[in-house]
Amino acid sequence: MTNVLINAPKTAKKGEVIELKALIMHTMETGFRPGTNGRIIPRNIIERFTASWNGSEIFRMDFSPAIAANPFVSFFAVASESGKITFRWTGDEGFAAEESVAIDVA
């Protein structure tokens, strides 16, 4: 189970610029660090983050091995219509997490 924290307003005025924040708990192993047995710990990072508003992508970010553990993403969007904002992370070893929030735009 993946822990995800989302901070998004529940309501907004049409045309208002809103801030969306997302934090995902993930260790982010780079593939360069030796473990206690001296062997390299296999790479395990989040590779991509996307956000969609009612199915239309509004933000995309590609990660590199240099990103810190438990990555935090913050970005702005224009509130155009009520609906669902879906945040999705994908990564190594088939990792995928998704979380959605509803927003009412008046």
PDB file of N, CA and C in Angstrom:
ATOM      1  N   MET A   1       0.842  -1.181   0.000  1.00  0.00           N
ATOM      2  CA  MET A   1       0.000   0.000   0.000  1.00  0.00           C
ATOM      3  C   MET A   1       0.889   1.247   0.000  1.00  0.00           C
ATOM      4  N   THR A   2       0.545   2.200  -0.809  1.00  0.00           N
ATOM      5  CA  THR A   2       1.316   3.429  -0.941  1.00  0.00           C
ATOM      6  C   THR A   2       0.623   4.556  -0.198  1.00  0.00           C
ATOM      7  N   ASN A   3       1.401   5.339   0.518  1.00  0.00           N
ATOM      8  CA  ASN A   3       0.844   6.501   1.199  1.00  0.00           C
ATOM      9  C   ASN A   3       0.987   7.721   0.310  1.00  0.00           C
ATOM     10  N   VAL A   4      -0.120   8.384   0.049  1.00  0.00           N
ATOM     11  CA  VAL A   4      -0.162   9.561  -0.806  1.00  0.00           C
ATOM     12  C   VAL A   4      -0.918  10.659  -0.066  1.00  0.00           C
ATOM     13  N   LEU A   5      -0.369  11.863  -0.076  1.00  0.00           N
ATOM     14  CA  LEU A   5      -1.056  13.024   0.501  1.00  0.00           C
ATOM     15  C   LEU A   5      -1.315  14.032  -0.610  1.00  0.00           C
ATOM     16  N   ILE A   6      -2.555  14.478  -0.714  1.00  0.00           N
ATOM     17  CA  ILE A   6      -2.957  15.443  -1.728  1.00  0.00           C
ATOM     18  C   ILE A   6      -3.522  16.672  -1.022  1.00  0.00           C
ATOM     19  N   ASN A   7      -3.128  17.843  -1.485  1.00  0.00           N
ATOM     20  CA  ASN A   7      -3.681  19.091  -0.976  1.00  0.00           C
ATOM     21  C   ASN A   7      -4.223  19.859  -2.174  1.00  0.00           C
ATOM     22  N   ALA A   8      -5.554  19.949  -2.254  1.00  0.00           N
ATOM     23  CA  ALA A   8      -6.219  20.662  -3.344  1.00  0.00           C
ATOM     24  C   ALA A   8      -7.485  21.293  -2.781  1.00  0.00           C
ATOM     25  N   PRO A   9      -7.860  22.467  -3.276  1.00  0.00           N
ATOM     26  CA  PRO A   9      -9.086  23.082  -2.770  1.00  0.00           C
ATOM     27  C   PRO A   9     -10.311  22.271  -3.185  1.00  0.00           C
ATOM     28  N   LYS A  10     -11.332  22.268  -2.338  1.00  0.00           N
ATOM     29  CA  LYS A  10     -12.579  21.565  -2.655  1.00  0.00           C
ATOM     30  C   LYS A  10     -13.451  22.390  -3.597  1.00  0.00           C
ATOM     31  N   THR A  11     -13.294  23.721  -3.536  1.00  0.00           N
ATOM     32  CA  THR A  11     -14.069  24.613  -4.400  1.00  0.00           C
ATOM     33  C   THR A  11     -13.158  25.693  -4.978  1.00  0.00           C
ATOM     34  N   ALA A  12     -13.570  26.231  -6.120  1.00  0.00           N
ATOM     35  CA  ALA A  12     -12.838  27.331  -6.748  1.00  0.00           C
ATOM     36  C   ALA A  12     -13.808  28.093  -7.643  1.00  0.00           C
ATOM     37  N   LYS A  13     -13.464  29.342  -7.921  1.00  0.00           N
ATOM     38  CA  LYS A  13     -14.238  30.136  -8.867  1.00  0.00           C
ATOM     39  C   LYS A  13     -13.720  29.859 -10.268  1.00  0.00           C
ATOM     40  N   LYS A  14     -14.602  29.911 -11.249  1.00  0.00           N
ATOM     41  CA  LYS A  14     -14.208  29.677 -12.639  1.00  0.00           C
ATOM     42  C   LYS A  14     -13.136  30.690 -13.044  1.00  0.00           C
ATOM     43  N   GLY A  15     -12.024  30.214 -13.604  1.00  0.00           N
ATOM     44  CA  GLY A  15     -10.912  31.063 -14.018  1.00  0.00           C
ATOM     45  C   GLY A  15      -9.888  31.322 -12.930  1.00  0.00           C
ATOM     46  N   GLU A  16     -10.156  30.883 -11.706  1.00  0.00           N
ATOM     47  CA  GLU A  16      -9.225  31.085 -10.592  1.00  0.00           C
ATOM     48  C   GLU A  16      -8.001  30.178 -10.748  1.00  0.00           C
ATOM     49  N   VAL A  17      -6.825  30.698 -10.415  1.00  0.00           N
ATOM     50  CA  VAL A  17      -5.600  29.902 -10.412  1.00  0.00           C
ATOM     51  C   VAL A  17      -5.495  29.245  -9.043  1.00  0.00           C
ATOM     52  N   ILE A  18      -5.402  27.912  -9.044  1.00  0.00           N
ATOM     53  CA  ILE A  18      -5.325  27.169  -7.787  1.00  0.00           C
ATOM     54  C   ILE A  18      -4.006  26.412  -7.704  1.00  0.00           C
ATOM     55  N   GLU A  19      -3.552  26.187  -6.489  1.00  0.00           N
ATOM     56  CA  GLU A  19      -2.332  25.416  -6.273  1.00  0.00           C
ATOM     57  C   GLU A  19      -2.702  23.991  -5.899  1.00  0.00           C
ATOM     58  N   LEU A  20      -2.052  23.029  -6.527  1.00  0.00           N
ATOM     59  CA  LEU A  20      -2.247  21.614  -6.258  1.00  0.00           C
ATOM     60  C   LEU A  20      -0.933  21.054  -5.741  1.00  0.00           C
ATOM     61  N   LYS A  21      -1.004  20.292  -4.644  1.00  0.00           N
ATOM     62  CA  LYS A  21       0.200  19.744  -4.025  1.00  0.00           C
ATOM     63  C   LYS A  21       0.026  18.241  -3.843  1.00  0.00           C
ATOM     64  N   ALA A  22       1.104  17.500  -4.045  1.00  0.00           N
ATOM     65  CA  ALA A  22       1.072  16.052  -3.893  1.00  0.00           C
ATOM     66  C   ALA A  22       2.381  15.567  -3.280  1.00  0.00           C
ATOM     67  N   LEU A  23       2.258  14.640  -2.340  1.00  0.00           N
ATOM     68  CA  LEU A  23       3.412  14.032  -1.683  1.00  0.00           C
ATOM     69  C   LEU A  23       3.197  12.528  -1.690  1.00  0.00           C
ATOM     70  N   ILE A  24       4.214  11.793  -2.129  1.00  0.00           N
ATOM     71  CA  ILE A  24       4.120  10.336  -2.113  1.00  0.00           C
ATOM     72  C   ILE A  24       5.276   9.769  -1.313  1.00  0.00           C
ATOM     73  N   MET A  25       4.957   8.807  -0.450  1.00  0.00           N
ATOM     74  CA  MET A  25       5.975   8.157   0.360  1.00  0.00           C
ATOM     75  C   MET A  25       6.623   7.044  -0.476  1.00  0.00           C
ATOM     76  N   HIS A  26       7.908   7.225  -0.811  1.00  0.00           N
ATOM     77  CA  HIS A  26       8.639   6.249  -1.620  1.00  0.00           C
ATOM     78  C   HIS A  26      10.126   6.412  -1.322  1.00  0.00           C
ATOM     79  N   THR A  27      10.839   5.301  -1.157  1.00  0.00           N
ATOM     80  CA  THR A  27      12.249   5.354  -0.733  1.00  0.00           C
ATOM     81  C   THR A  27      13.208   5.877  -1.796  1.00  0.00           C
ATOM     82  N   MET A  28      12.903   5.703  -3.076  1.00  0.00           N
ATOM     83  CA  MET A  28      13.712   6.233  -4.179  1.00  0.00           C
ATOM     84  C   MET A  28      15.169   5.761  -4.126  1.00  0.00           C
ATOM     85  N   GLU A  29      15.400   4.478  -4.338  1.00  0.00           N
ATOM     86  CA  GLU A  29      16.753   3.938  -4.426  1.00  0.00           C
ATOM     87  C   GLU A  29      17.351   4.262  -5.792  1.00  0.00           C
ATOM     88  N   THR A  30      18.547   4.821  -5.814  1.00  0.00           N
ATOM     89  CA  THR A  30      19.179   5.281  -7.051  1.00  0.00           C
ATOM     90  C   THR A  30      19.823   4.176  -7.877  1.00  0.00           C
ATOM     91  N   GLY A  31      20.160   3.064  -7.245  1.00  0.00           N
ATOM     92  CA  GLY A  31      20.879   2.007  -7.944  1.00  0.00           C
ATOM     93  C   GLY A  31      22.383   2.176  -7.871  1.00  0.00           C
ATOM     94  N   PHE A  32      22.857   3.144  -7.106  1.00  0.00           N
ATOM     95  CA  PHE A  32      24.291   3.405  -6.962  1.00  0.00           C
ATOM     96  C   PHE A  32      24.797   3.128  -5.548  1.00  0.00           C
ATOM     97  N   ARG A  33      23.894   2.918  -4.601  1.00  0.00           N
ATOM     98  CA  ARG A  33      24.266   2.799  -3.189  1.00  0.00           C
ATOM     99  C   ARG A  33      24.448   1.335  -2.801  1.00  0.00           C
ATOM    100  N   PRO A  34      25.563   1.012  -2.104  1.00  0.00           N
ATOM    101  CA  PRO A  34      25.737  -0.371  -1.645  1.00  0.00           C
ATOM    102  C   PRO A  34      24.901  -0.633  -0.389  1.00  0.00           C
ATOM    103  N   GLY A  35      24.393  -1.868  -0.278  1.00  0.00           N
ATOM    104  CA  GLY A  35      23.653  -2.274   0.910  1.00  0.00           C
ATOM    105  C   GLY A  35      24.589  -2.753   1.992  1.00  0.00           C
ATOM    106  N   THR A  36      24.047  -3.281   3.069  1.00  0.00           N
ATOM    107  CA  THR A  36      24.868  -3.752   4.193  1.00  0.00           C
ATOM    108  C   THR A  36      25.745  -4.942   3.813  1.00  0.00           C
ATOM    109  N   ASN A  37      25.331  -5.692   2.779  1.00  0.00           N
ATOM    110  CA  ASN A  37      26.125  -6.834   2.329  1.00  0.00           C
ATOM    111  C   ASN A  37      27.175  -6.448   1.285  1.00  0.00           C
ATOM    112  N   GLY A  38      27.276  -5.152   0.955  1.00  0.00           N
ATOM    113  CA  GLY A  38      28.257  -4.675  -0.017  1.00  0.00           C
ATOM    114  C   GLY A  38      27.763  -4.677  -1.457  1.00  0.00           C
ATOM    115  N   ARG A  39      26.642  -5.316  -1.716  1.00  0.00           N
ATOM    116  CA  ARG A  39      26.086  -5.343  -3.072  1.00  0.00           C
ATOM    117  C   ARG A  39      25.265  -4.079  -3.326  1.00  0.00           C
ATOM    118  N   ILE A  40      25.222  -3.674  -4.584  1.00  0.00           N
ATOM    119  CA  ILE A  40      24.457  -2.488  -4.971  1.00  0.00           C
ATOM    120  C   ILE A  40      22.961  -2.769  -4.814  1.00  0.00           C
ATOM    121  N   ILE A  41      22.265  -1.850  -4.160  1.00  0.00           N
ATOM    122  CA  ILE A  41      20.813  -1.957  -4.019  1.00  0.00           C
ATOM    123  C   ILE A  41      20.196  -1.604  -5.372  1.00  0.00           C
ATOM    124  N   PRO A  42      19.323  -2.461  -5.907  1.00  0.00           N
ATOM    125  CA  PRO A  42      18.753  -2.192  -7.231  1.00  0.00           C
ATOM    126  C   PRO A  42      17.991  -0.862  -7.286  1.00  0.00           C
ATOM    127  N   ARG A  43      18.060  -0.215  -8.428  1.00  0.00           N
ATOM    128  CA  ARG A  43      17.351   1.049  -8.650  1.00  0.00           C
ATOM    129  C   ARG A  43      15.844   0.829  -8.495  1.00  0.00           C
ATOM    130  N   ASN A  44      15.200   1.751  -7.797  1.00  0.00           N
ATOM    131  CA  ASN A  44      13.749   1.708  -7.604  1.00  0.00           C
ATOM    132  C   ASN A  44      13.277   3.142  -7.385  1.00  0.00           C
ATOM    133  N   ILE A  45      12.978   3.838  -8.496  1.00  0.00           N
ATOM    134  CA  ILE A  45      12.556   5.234  -8.389  1.00  0.00           C
ATOM    135  C   ILE A  45      11.201   5.422  -9.059  1.00  0.00           C
ATOM    136  N   ILE A  46      10.563   6.515  -8.709  1.00  0.00           N
ATOM    137  CA  ILE A  46       9.381   6.959  -9.437  1.00  0.00           C
ATOM    138  C   ILE A  46       9.917   7.651 -10.681  1.00  0.00           C
ATOM    139  N   GLU A  47       9.421   7.266 -11.839  1.00  0.00           N
ATOM    140  CA  GLU A  47       9.928   7.828 -13.088  1.00  0.00           C
ATOM    141  C   GLU A  47       9.068   8.963 -13.627  1.00  0.00           C
ATOM    142  N   ARG A  48       7.769   8.916 -13.391  1.00  0.00           N
ATOM    143  CA  ARG A  48       6.881   9.918 -13.987  1.00  0.00           C
ATOM    144  C   ARG A  48       5.708  10.230 -13.066  1.00  0.00           C
ATOM    145  N   PHE A  49       5.344  11.508 -13.061  1.00  0.00           N
ATOM    146  CA  PHE A  49       4.163  11.993 -12.344  1.00  0.00           C
ATOM    147  C   PHE A  49       3.288  12.730 -13.350  1.00  0.00           C
ATOM    148  N   THR A  50       1.996  12.446 -13.352  1.00  0.00           N
ATOM    149  CA  THR A  50       1.062  13.181 -14.208  1.00  0.00           C
ATOM    150  C   THR A  50      -0.158  13.582 -13.391  1.00  0.00           C
ATOM    151  N   ALA A  51      -0.787  14.663 -13.828  1.00  0.00           N
ATOM    152  CA  ALA A  51      -2.052  15.110 -13.235  1.00  0.00           C
ATOM    153  C   ALA A  51      -3.021  15.372 -14.374  1.00  0.00           C
ATOM    154  N   SER A  52      -4.243  14.883 -14.205  1.00  0.00           N
ATOM    155  CA  SER A  52      -5.281  15.063 -15.220  1.00  0.00           C
ATOM    156  C   SER A  52      -6.517  15.663 -14.582  1.00  0.00           C
ATOM    157  N   TRP A  53      -7.159  16.566 -15.316  1.00  0.00           N
ATOM    158  CA  TRP A  53      -8.408  17.185 -14.867  1.00  0.00           C
ATOM    159  C   TRP A  53      -9.495  16.666 -15.794  1.00  0.00           C
ATOM    160  N   ASN A  54     -10.411  15.881 -15.262  1.00  0.00           N
ATOM    161  CA  ASN A  54     -11.483  15.248 -16.041  1.00  0.00           C
ATOM    162  C   ASN A  54     -10.931  14.505 -17.258  1.00  0.00           C
ATOM    163  N   GLY A  55      -9.802  13.826 -17.082  1.00  0.00           N
ATOM    164  CA  GLY A  55      -9.223  13.020 -18.140  1.00  0.00           C
ATOM    165  C   GLY A  55      -8.255  13.735 -19.058  1.00  0.00           C
ATOM    166  N   SER A  56      -8.161  15.055 -18.962  1.00  0.00           N
ATOM    167  CA  SER A  56      -7.219  15.814 -19.801  1.00  0.00           C
ATOM    168  C   SER A  56      -5.972  16.141 -18.984  1.00  0.00           C
ATOM    169  N   GLU A  57      -4.811  15.742 -19.490  1.00  0.00           N
ATOM    170  CA  GLU A  57      -3.569  15.976 -18.770  1.00  0.00           C
ATOM    171  C   GLU A  57      -3.294  17.477 -18.626  1.00  0.00           C
ATOM    172  N   ILE A  58      -2.986  17.887 -17.386  1.00  0.00           N
ATOM    173  CA  ILE A  58      -2.691  19.304 -17.124  1.00  0.00           C
ATOM    174  C   ILE A  58      -1.250  19.506 -16.660  1.00  0.00           C
ATOM    175  N   PHE A  59      -0.576  18.416 -16.250  1.00  0.00           N
ATOM    176  CA  PHE A  59       0.789  18.545 -15.745  1.00  0.00           C
ATOM    177  C   PHE A  59       1.496  17.208 -15.890  1.00  0.00           C
ATOM    178  N   ARG A  60       2.785  17.257 -16.262  1.00  0.00           N
ATOM    179  CA  ARG A  60       3.608  16.049 -16.360  1.00  0.00           C
ATOM    180  C   ARG A  60       5.012  16.378 -15.873  1.00  0.00           C
ATOM    181  N   MET A  61       5.605  15.423 -15.160  1.00  0.00           N
ATOM    182  CA  MET A  61       6.952  15.618 -14.653  1.00  0.00           C
ATOM    183  C   MET A  61       7.689  14.287 -14.697  1.00  0.00           C
ATOM    184  N   ASP A  62       8.898  14.287 -15.259  1.00  0.00           N
ATOM    185  CA  ASP A  62       9.749  13.104 -15.265  1.00  0.00           C
ATOM    186  C   ASP A  62      10.783  13.241 -14.163  1.00  0.00           C
ATOM    187  N   PHE A  63      10.988  12.170 -13.396  1.00  0.00           N
ATOM    188  CA  PHE A  63      11.956  12.160 -12.300  1.00  0.00           C
ATOM    189  C   PHE A  63      13.257  11.504 -12.748  1.00  0.00           C
ATOM    190  N   SER A  64      14.347  11.810 -12.048  1.00  0.00           N
ATOM    191  CA  SER A  64      15.645  11.185 -12.289  1.00  0.00           C
ATOM    192  C   SER A  64      16.100  10.520 -10.987  1.00  0.00           C
ATOM    193  N   PRO A  65      17.140   9.700 -11.035  1.00  0.00           N
ATOM    194  CA  PRO A  65      17.611   9.064  -9.801  1.00  0.00           C
ATOM    195  C   PRO A  65      18.061  10.058  -8.729  1.00  0.00           C
ATOM    196  N   ALA A  66      18.308  11.301  -9.091  1.00  0.00           N
ATOM    197  CA  ALA A  66      18.779  12.289  -8.115  1.00  0.00           C
ATOM    198  C   ALA A  66      17.656  12.864  -7.249  1.00  0.00           C
ATOM    199  N   ILE A  67      16.410  12.533  -7.523  1.00  0.00           N
ATOM    200  CA  ILE A  67      15.287  13.081  -6.742  1.00  0.00           C
ATOM    201  C   ILE A  67      15.301  12.483  -5.338  1.00  0.00           C
ATOM    202  N   ALA A  68      14.904  13.261  -4.376  1.00  0.00           N
ATOM    203  CA  ALA A  68      14.900  12.824  -2.982  1.00  0.00           C
ATOM    204  C   ALA A  68      13.807  11.793  -2.718  1.00  0.00           C
ATOM    205  N   ALA A  69      13.969  11.056  -1.644  1.00  0.00           N
ATOM    206  CA  ALA A  69      12.919  10.146  -1.210  1.00  0.00           C
ATOM    207  C   ALA A  69      11.677  10.953  -0.856  1.00  0.00           C
ATOM    208  N   ASN A  70      10.526  10.330  -0.950  1.00  0.00           N
ATOM    209  CA  ASN A  70       9.249  10.967  -0.629  1.00  0.00           C
ATOM    210  C   ASN A  70       9.056  12.276  -1.398  1.00  0.00           C
ATOM    211  N   PRO A  71       9.032  12.194  -2.729  1.00  0.00           N
ATOM    212  CA  PRO A  71       8.962  13.420  -3.537  1.00  0.00           C
ATOM    213  C   PRO A  71       7.677  14.218  -3.334  1.00  0.00           C
ATOM    214  N   PHE A  72       7.835  15.533  -3.325  1.00  0.00           N
ATOM    215  CA  PHE A  72       6.753  16.494  -3.174  1.00  0.00           C
ATOM    216  C   PHE A  72       6.656  17.298  -4.465  1.00  0.00           C
ATOM    217  N   VAL A  73       5.449  17.409  -5.008  1.00  0.00           N
ATOM    218  CA  VAL A  73       5.218  18.144  -6.245  1.00  0.00           C
ATOM    219  C   VAL A  73       4.171  19.210  -5.977  1.00  0.00           C
ATOM    220  N   SER A  74       4.426  20.422  -6.443  1.00  0.00           N
ATOM    221  CA  SER A  74       3.481  21.526  -6.305  1.00  0.00           C
ATOM    222  C   SER A  74       3.412  22.244  -7.643  1.00  0.00           C
ATOM    223  N   PHE A  75       2.191  22.520  -8.112  1.00  0.00           N
ATOM    224  CA  PHE A  75       2.015  23.230  -9.372  1.00  0.00           C
ATOM    225  C   PHE A  75       0.681  23.975  -9.353  1.00  0.00           C
ATOM    226  N   PHE A  76       0.483  24.836 -10.335  1.00  0.00           N
ATOM    227  CA  PHE A  76      -0.730  25.647 -10.418  1.00  0.00           C
ATOM    228  C   PHE A  76      -1.533  25.256 -11.654  1.00  0.00           C
ATOM    229  N   ALA A  77      -2.860  25.418 -11.552  1.00  0.00           N
ATOM    230  CA  ALA A  77      -3.758  25.155 -12.676  1.00  0.00           C
ATOM    231  C   ALA A  77      -4.896  26.160 -12.621  1.00  0.00           C
ATOM    232  N   VAL A  78      -5.511  26.383 -13.763  1.00  0.00           N
ATOM    233  CA  VAL A  78      -6.668  27.275 -13.847  1.00  0.00           C
ATOM    234  C   VAL A  78      -7.929  26.438 -13.700  1.00  0.00           C
ATOM    235  N   ALA A  79      -8.787  26.825 -12.758  1.00  0.00           N
ATOM    236  CA  ALA A  79     -10.045  26.115 -12.533  1.00  0.00           C
ATOM    237  C   ALA A  79     -11.012  26.454 -13.657  1.00  0.00           C
ATOM    238  N   SER A  80     -11.323  25.465 -14.481  1.00  0.00           N
ATOM    239  CA  SER A  80     -12.188  25.726 -15.626  1.00  0.00           C
ATOM    240  C   SER A  80     -13.539  25.029 -15.513  1.00  0.00           C
ATOM    241  N   GLU A  81     -13.573  23.867 -14.855  1.00  0.00           N
ATOM    242  CA  GLU A  81     -14.828  23.132 -14.724  1.00  0.00           C
ATOM    243  C   GLU A  81     -14.780  22.209 -13.514  1.00  0.00           C
ATOM    244  N   SER A  82     -15.937  21.896 -12.977  1.00  0.00           N
ATOM    245  CA  SER A  82     -16.023  20.954 -11.864  1.00  0.00           C
ATOM    246  C   SER A  82     -15.637  19.572 -12.352  1.00  0.00           C
ATOM    247  N   GLY A  83     -15.166  18.751 -11.438  1.00  0.00           N
ATOM    248  CA  GLY A  83     -14.835  17.382 -11.823  1.00  0.00           C
ATOM    249  C   GLY A  83     -13.808  16.757 -10.918  1.00  0.00           C
ATOM    250  N   LYS A  84     -13.015  15.890 -11.523  1.00  0.00           N
ATOM    251  CA  LYS A  84     -12.048  15.089 -10.780  1.00  0.00           C
ATOM    252  C   LYS A  84     -10.642  15.378 -11.275  1.00  0.00           C
ATOM    253  N   ILE A  85      -9.727  15.596 -10.327  1.00  0.00           N
ATOM    254  CA  ILE A  85      -8.311  15.751 -10.630  1.00  0.00           C
ATOM    255  C   ILE A  85      -7.635  14.455 -10.191  1.00  0.00           C
ATOM    256  N   THR A  86      -6.954  13.803 -11.133  1.00  0.00           N
ATOM    257  CA  THR A  86      -6.309  12.525 -10.855  1.00  0.00           C
ATOM    258  C   THR A  86      -4.800  12.685 -10.922  1.00  0.00           C
ATOM    259  N   PHE A  87      -4.134  12.267  -9.864  1.00  0.00           N
ATOM    260  CA  PHE A  87      -2.679  12.294  -9.768  1.00  0.00           C
ATOM    261  C   PHE A  87      -2.181  10.854  -9.942  1.00  0.00           C
ATOM    262  N   ARG A  88      -1.161  10.647 -10.783  1.00  0.00           N
ATOM    263  CA  ARG A  88      -0.656   9.297 -11.032  1.00  0.00           C
ATOM    264  C   ARG A  88       0.873   9.301 -11.062  1.00  0.00           C
ATOM    265  N   TRP A  89       1.445   8.333 -10.335  1.00  0.00           N
ATOM    266  CA  TRP A  89       2.888   8.124 -10.303  1.00  0.00           C
ATOM    267  C   TRP A  89       3.180   6.750 -10.874  1.00  0.00           C
ATOM    268  N   THR A  90       4.221   6.621 -11.695  1.00  0.00           N
ATOM    269  CA  THR A  90       4.666   5.322 -12.184  1.00  0.00           C
ATOM    270  C   THR A  90       6.177   5.244 -12.046  1.00  0.00           C
ATOM    271  N   GLY A  91       6.668   4.021 -11.900  1.00  0.00           N
ATOM    272  CA  GLY A  91       8.104   3.887 -11.714  1.00  0.00           C
ATOM    273  C   GLY A  91       8.624   2.497 -11.961  1.00  0.00           C
ATOM    274  N   ASP A  92       9.840   2.274 -11.490  1.00  0.00           N
ATOM    275  CA  ASP A  92      10.525   1.002 -11.660  1.00  0.00           C
ATOM    276  C   ASP A  92       9.745  -0.129 -10.993  1.00  0.00           C
ATOM    277  N   GLU A  93      10.061  -1.339 -11.440  1.00  0.00           N
ATOM    278  CA  GLU A  93       9.492  -2.560 -10.870  1.00  0.00           C
ATOM    279  C   GLU A  93       7.963  -2.572 -10.916  1.00  0.00           C
ATOM    280  N   GLY A  94       7.376  -1.908 -11.926  1.00  0.00           N
ATOM    281  CA  GLY A  94       5.927  -1.903 -12.088  1.00  0.00           C
ATOM    282  C   GLY A  94       5.183  -1.030 -11.096  1.00  0.00           C
ATOM    283  N   PHE A  95       5.910  -0.154 -10.408  1.00  0.00           N
ATOM    284  CA  PHE A  95       5.271   0.708  -9.412  1.00  0.00           C
ATOM    285  C   PHE A  95       4.257   1.645 -10.060  1.00  0.00           C
ATOM    286  N   ALA A  96       3.075   1.730  -9.478  1.00  0.00           N
ATOM    287  CA  ALA A  96       2.058   2.683  -9.926  1.00  0.00           C
ATOM    288  C   ALA A  96       1.171   3.031  -8.741  1.00  0.00           C
ATOM    289  N   ALA A  97       0.875   4.310  -8.614  1.00  0.00           N
ATOM    290  CA  ALA A  97      -0.045   4.783  -7.578  1.00  0.00           C
ATOM    291  C   ALA A  97      -0.911   5.864  -8.182  1.00  0.00           C
ATOM    292  N   GLU A  98      -2.154   5.915  -7.742  1.00  0.00           N
ATOM    293  CA  GLU A  98      -3.085   6.902  -8.286  1.00  0.00           C
ATOM    294  C   GLU A  98      -4.005   7.369  -7.174  1.00  0.00           C
ATOM    295  N   GLU A  99      -4.277   8.648  -7.179  1.00  0.00           N
ATOM    296  CA  GLU A  99      -5.180   9.250  -6.189  1.00  0.00           C
ATOM    297  C   GLU A  99      -5.962  10.355  -6.886  1.00  0.00           C
ATOM    298  N   SER A 100      -7.238  10.479  -6.554  1.00  0.00           N
ATOM    299  CA  SER A 100      -8.088  11.489  -7.163  1.00  0.00           C
ATOM    300  C   SER A 100      -8.761  12.349  -6.103  1.00  0.00           C
ATOM    301  N   VAL A 101      -9.027  13.589  -6.459  1.00  0.00           N
ATOM    302  CA  VAL A 101      -9.786  14.498  -5.606  1.00  0.00           C
ATOM    303  C   VAL A 101     -10.843  15.185  -6.472  1.00  0.00           C
ATOM    304  N   ALA A 102     -11.958  15.518  -5.848  1.00  0.00           N
ATOM    305  CA  ALA A 102     -13.031  16.221  -6.560  1.00  0.00           C
ATOM    306  C   ALA A 102     -12.925  17.708  -6.283  1.00  0.00           C
ATOM    307  N   ILE A 103     -13.289  18.519  -7.279  1.00  0.00           N
ATOM    308  CA  ILE A 103     -13.296  19.967  -7.118  1.00  0.00           C
ATOM    309  C   ILE A 103     -14.582  20.503  -7.734  1.00  0.00           C
ATOM    310  N   ASP A 104     -15.205  21.445  -7.020  1.00  0.00           N
ATOM    311  CA  ASP A 104     -16.428  22.075  -7.487  1.00  0.00           C
ATOM    312  C   ASP A 104     -16.081  23.497  -7.956  1.00  0.00           C
ATOM    313  N   VAL A 105     -16.269  23.756  -9.236  1.00  0.00           N
ATOM    314  CA  VAL A 105     -15.967  25.064  -9.811  1.00  0.00           C
ATOM    315  C   VAL A 105     -17.283  25.780 -10.102  1.00  0.00           C
ATOM    316  N   ALA A 106     -17.424  26.970  -9.492  1.00  0.00           N
ATOM    317  CA  ALA A 106     -18.675  27.735  -9.687  1.00  0.00           C
ATOM    318  C   ALA A 106     -18.411  29.049 -10.399  1.00  0.00           C
TER     319      ALA A 106
END
